[in-house]
Amino acid sequence: MESEVARNLLEIKAVKLSPNEPFTWASGMLSPIYCDNRLALSYPVVRTFLKNCLAEKSRGFGTFDVVAGVATAGIPHGVLLADVLEKPFVYVRSSAKDHGRRNQIEGELKTGQRVLVVEDLISTGGSCLLAVDALREVGAEVVGVLAIFQYGFAKADVAFAEKKVGFQTLTNYDALVQEAARIGYVSESDLKTLKKWRENPDAWGALYA
């Protein structure tokens, strides 16, 4: 599954690799990779493929009652998963609204329900772990986090372990780079650059700052 998902993302350019002209993330980090899984929504065949992969992967979390999407990028993929599984759906904002009912969680969620959190990608895990906290605060039991892609940062593993919540993804950075090399999307020199970034993103980015 990892290689096939990676190939689909590369083909629709949902994942872009640019080792020589780095992207700047919202955090300010410089990176040779930019992932925008929302593009998959515009490709029905890929969208259906990812939806079915999410459904298959969700079985690894055991039984759960509700699917929760992390705003905003996790919402559409969470809706697709909830639809194919015929389960209720809610979504979690990064913070409560400052007007109306001041909700942070939108949708009906009952105390004690088992919830699977869906995110589009995991870098450090910050946004989805905020969602996990919000769900636990209202009495939900979070069975885990499911995402399409992860960078494989050690800090994410540490953060999830501290919150005592597991996560799974359909594909990851290593699988993506291998597939990109296999189909000729990147050169051998680009491949070395991508591996160096993965080993130490902060030090790599400092070279371009």
Protein backbone atom coordinates (compact mmCIF):
# COMPACT_ATOMS: atom_id res chain seq x y z
CA MET A 1 0.00 0.00 0.00
CA GLU A 2 2.77 2.49 0.90
CA SER A 3 4.35 2.48 -2.57
CA GLU A 4 1.02 2.60 -4.41
CA VAL A 5 -0.24 5.51 -2.34
CA ALA A 6 3.06 7.33 -2.84
CA ARG A 7 2.88 6.77 -6.59
CA ASN A 8 -0.66 8.15 -6.77
CA LEU A 9 0.30 11.26 -4.81
CA LEU A 10 3.31 11.85 -7.05
CA GLU A 11 1.28 11.39 -10.23
CA ILE A 12 -1.24 14.10 -9.31
CA LYS A 13 1.52 16.29 -7.87
CA ALA A 14 -0.06 16.27 -4.41
CA VAL A 15 3.49 15.75 -3.23
CA LYS A 16 6.11 17.98 -4.79
CA LEU A 17 9.84 17.44 -4.45
CA SER A 18 12.23 20.33 -5.02
CA PRO A 19 15.64 19.58 -3.47
CA ASN A 20 17.37 22.55 -5.11
CA GLU A 21 14.71 25.20 -4.46
CA PRO A 22 13.32 24.41 -0.98
CA PHE A 23 9.79 25.13 0.13
CA THR A 24 9.17 27.22 3.25
CA TRP A 25 6.62 25.66 5.61
CA ALA A 26 4.28 27.73 7.76
CA SER A 27 6.59 27.00 10.69
CA GLY A 28 9.47 28.63 8.81
CA MET A 29 11.24 25.31 8.24
CA LEU A 30 12.88 24.90 4.85
CA SER A 31 12.10 21.63 3.14
CA PRO A 32 12.73 19.89 -0.20
CA ILE A 33 9.22 18.42 -0.02
CA TYR A 34 5.73 19.89 0.08
CA CYS A 35 2.68 17.69 0.61
CA ASP A 36 -0.86 18.84 -0.21
CA ASN A 37 -3.19 15.85 -0.05
CA ARG A 38 -6.18 18.12 -0.67
CA LEU A 39 -5.34 17.93 -4.37
CA ALA A 40 -6.50 14.31 -4.31
CA LEU A 41 -10.05 15.57 -3.85
CA SER A 42 -9.99 16.87 -7.43
CA TYR A 43 -9.14 13.44 -8.86
CA PRO A 44 -12.09 11.03 -8.42
CA VAL A 45 -10.09 7.87 -9.08
CA VAL A 46 -7.32 8.80 -6.64
CA ARG A 47 -9.87 10.10 -4.13
CA THR A 48 -11.72 6.79 -4.17
CA PHE A 49 -8.47 4.85 -3.94
CA LEU A 50 -7.36 6.82 -0.85
CA LYS A 51 -10.80 6.49 0.72
CA ASN A 52 -10.68 2.71 0.36
CA CYS A 53 -7.11 2.62 1.71
CA LEU A 54 -8.19 4.64 4.74
CA ALA A 55 -11.07 2.24 5.32
CA GLU A 56 -8.74 -0.76 5.13
CA LYS A 57 -6.18 0.84 7.44
CA SER A 58 -8.85 1.88 9.95
CA ARG A 59 -9.46 -1.78 10.78
CA GLY A 60 -6.17 -1.75 12.67
CA PHE A 61 -7.72 0.47 15.35
CA GLY A 62 -10.39 -2.04 16.34
CA THR A 63 -13.95 -0.89 16.91
CA PHE A 64 -14.85 2.80 17.07
CA ASP A 65 -18.07 4.79 16.95
CA VAL A 66 -17.18 8.11 15.34
CA VAL A 67 -14.70 9.52 12.82
CA ALA A 68 -13.25 12.95 13.70
CA GLY A 69 -11.49 15.12 11.12
CA VAL A 70 -8.83 17.64 12.13
CA ALA A 71 -9.62 21.08 10.68
CA THR A 72 -9.13 21.87 8.00
CA ALA A 73 -7.23 19.44 5.76
CA GLY A 74 -8.36 16.36 7.68
CA ILE A 75 -12.06 17.17 7.27
CA PRO A 76 -12.69 15.98 3.68
CA HIS A 77 -10.74 12.75 4.09
CA GLY A 78 -12.49 12.11 7.40
CA VAL A 79 -15.88 12.65 5.77
CA LEU A 80 -15.01 10.21 2.99
CA LEU A 81 -13.94 7.59 5.51
CA ALA A 82 -17.01 8.08 7.70
CA ASP A 83 -19.21 7.78 4.62
CA VAL A 84 -17.73 4.50 3.40
CA LEU A 85 -17.86 3.07 6.94
CA GLU A 86 -21.35 4.50 7.52
CA LYS A 87 -20.28 6.10 10.79
CA PRO A 88 -21.02 9.50 12.34
CA PHE A 89 -18.58 12.32 11.64
CA VAL A 90 -17.41 15.33 13.66
CA TYR A 91 -14.56 17.75 13.15
CA VAL A 92 -12.23 19.47 15.57
CA ARG A 93 -11.05 23.07 15.28
CA SER A 94 -7.63 24.18 16.51
CA SER A 95 -9.46 26.31 19.07
CA ALA A 96 -13.03 27.16 20.02
CA LYS A 97 -14.91 29.72 17.95
CA ASP A 98 -15.16 33.18 19.48
CA HIS A 99 -18.82 33.54 18.52
CA GLY A 100 -22.06 31.57 18.29
CA ARG A 101 -21.96 28.43 20.42
CA ARG A 102 -18.18 28.77 20.73
CA ASN A 103 -17.68 25.15 19.71
CA GLN A 104 -14.32 23.56 19.17
CA ILE A 105 -15.89 20.26 18.15
CA GLU A 106 -18.58 20.45 15.48
CA GLY A 107 -21.13 17.65 15.25
CA GLU A 108 -22.76 15.35 17.76
CA LEU A 109 -20.40 13.52 20.07
CA LYS A 110 -21.47 11.63 23.17
CA THR A 111 -19.44 10.98 26.30
CA GLY A 112 -17.68 7.63 26.16
CA GLN A 113 -17.80 7.20 22.40
CA ARG A 114 -14.73 5.71 20.75
CA VAL A 115 -13.27 8.08 18.17
CA LEU A 116 -10.80 7.65 15.31
CA VAL A 117 -9.05 10.92 14.43
CA VAL A 118 -8.25 11.56 10.75
CA GLU A 119 -5.55 13.98 9.55
CA ASP A 120 -4.10 14.53 6.08
CA LEU A 121 -0.45 14.41 7.16
CA ILE A 122 1.68 14.20 10.27
CA SER A 123 4.87 16.22 10.69
CA THR A 124 5.44 16.88 14.40
CA GLY A 125 1.94 15.75 15.35
CA GLY A 126 1.01 19.06 16.95
CA SER A 127 -2.32 19.79 15.26
CA CYS A 128 -3.81 16.32 15.58
CA LEU A 129 -2.67 15.96 19.19
CA LEU A 130 -4.50 19.21 20.00
CA ALA A 131 -7.58 17.54 18.52
CA VAL A 132 -6.95 14.45 20.66
CA ASP A 133 -6.82 16.65 23.76
CA ALA A 134 -10.06 18.42 22.82
CA LEU A 135 -11.87 15.12 22.26
CA ARG A 136 -10.65 13.67 25.54
CA GLU A 137 -11.72 16.80 27.40
CA VAL A 138 -15.35 16.16 26.43
CA GLY A 139 -15.16 12.52 27.50
CA ALA A 140 -14.42 10.77 24.21
CA GLU A 141 -12.08 7.79 24.01
CA VAL A 142 -9.57 8.29 21.19
CA VAL A 143 -8.59 4.96 19.63
CA GLY A 144 -5.84 6.52 17.51
CA VAL A 145 -4.93 8.83 14.64
CA LEU A 146 -5.01 7.86 10.96
CA ALA A 147 -3.35 10.01 8.28
CA ILE A 148 -2.41 9.74 4.63
CA PHE A 149 1.25 10.72 4.94
CA GLN A 150 3.96 11.20 7.55
CA TYR A 151 7.48 12.59 7.44
CA GLY A 152 8.77 10.12 10.02
CA PHE A 153 10.16 12.70 12.44
CA ALA A 154 11.30 11.28 15.77
CA LYS A 155 9.71 14.22 17.57
CA ALA A 156 6.31 13.03 16.32
CA ASP A 157 6.89 9.55 17.76
CA VAL A 158 7.84 11.12 21.10
CA ALA A 159 4.82 13.45 21.12
CA PHE A 160 2.35 10.65 20.38
CA ALA A 161 3.96 8.41 22.98
CA GLU A 162 3.65 11.16 25.61
CA LYS A 163 -0.08 11.46 24.83
CA LYS A 164 -0.43 7.67 24.89
CA VAL A 165 -2.09 7.53 21.48
CA GLY A 166 -1.02 5.51 18.47
CA PHE A 167 -1.03 6.58 14.84
CA GLN A 168 -0.85 4.96 11.42
CA THR A 169 -0.41 6.39 7.93
CA LEU A 170 -1.02 5.14 4.41
CA THR A 171 2.47 6.10 3.27
CA ASN A 172 5.56 7.90 4.50
CA TYR A 173 8.59 9.92 3.48
CA ASP A 174 10.91 6.96 2.94
CA ALA A 175 8.39 5.14 0.73
CA LEU A 176 7.74 8.33 -1.19
CA VAL A 177 11.41 9.00 -1.88
CA GLN A 178 11.98 5.40 -2.98
CA GLU A 179 9.03 5.57 -5.36
CA ALA A 180 10.13 8.96 -6.71
CA ALA A 181 13.54 7.48 -7.49
CA ARG A 182 12.04 4.37 -9.08
CA ILE A 183 9.89 6.32 -11.53
CA GLY A 184 12.65 8.83 -12.30
CA TYR A 185 10.97 11.76 -10.58
CA VAL A 186 14.26 12.66 -8.88
CA SER A 187 17.90 12.15 -9.83
CA GLU A 188 20.53 10.32 -7.80
CA SER A 189 21.96 13.63 -6.55
CA ASP A 190 18.45 14.79 -5.58
CA LEU A 191 17.98 11.52 -3.74
CA LYS A 192 21.07 12.18 -1.62
CA THR A 193 19.77 15.66 -0.78
CA LEU A 194 16.38 14.29 0.23
CA LYS A 195 18.00 11.71 2.50
CA LYS A 196 20.20 14.35 4.15
CA TRP A 197 17.15 16.49 4.89
CA ARG A 198 15.35 13.52 6.42
CA GLU A 199 18.32 12.81 8.70
CA ASN A 200 18.59 16.39 10.02
CA PRO A 201 15.95 18.86 8.72
CA ASP A 202 17.09 21.78 10.87
CA ALA A 203 20.76 21.56 9.87
CA TRP A 204 19.83 21.05 6.21
CA GLY A 205 17.57 24.10 6.21
CA ALA A 206 20.28 26.25 7.76
CA LEU A 207 22.35 25.81 4.59
CA TYR A 208 19.65 27.64 2.59
CA ALA A 209 18.68 30.27 5.16
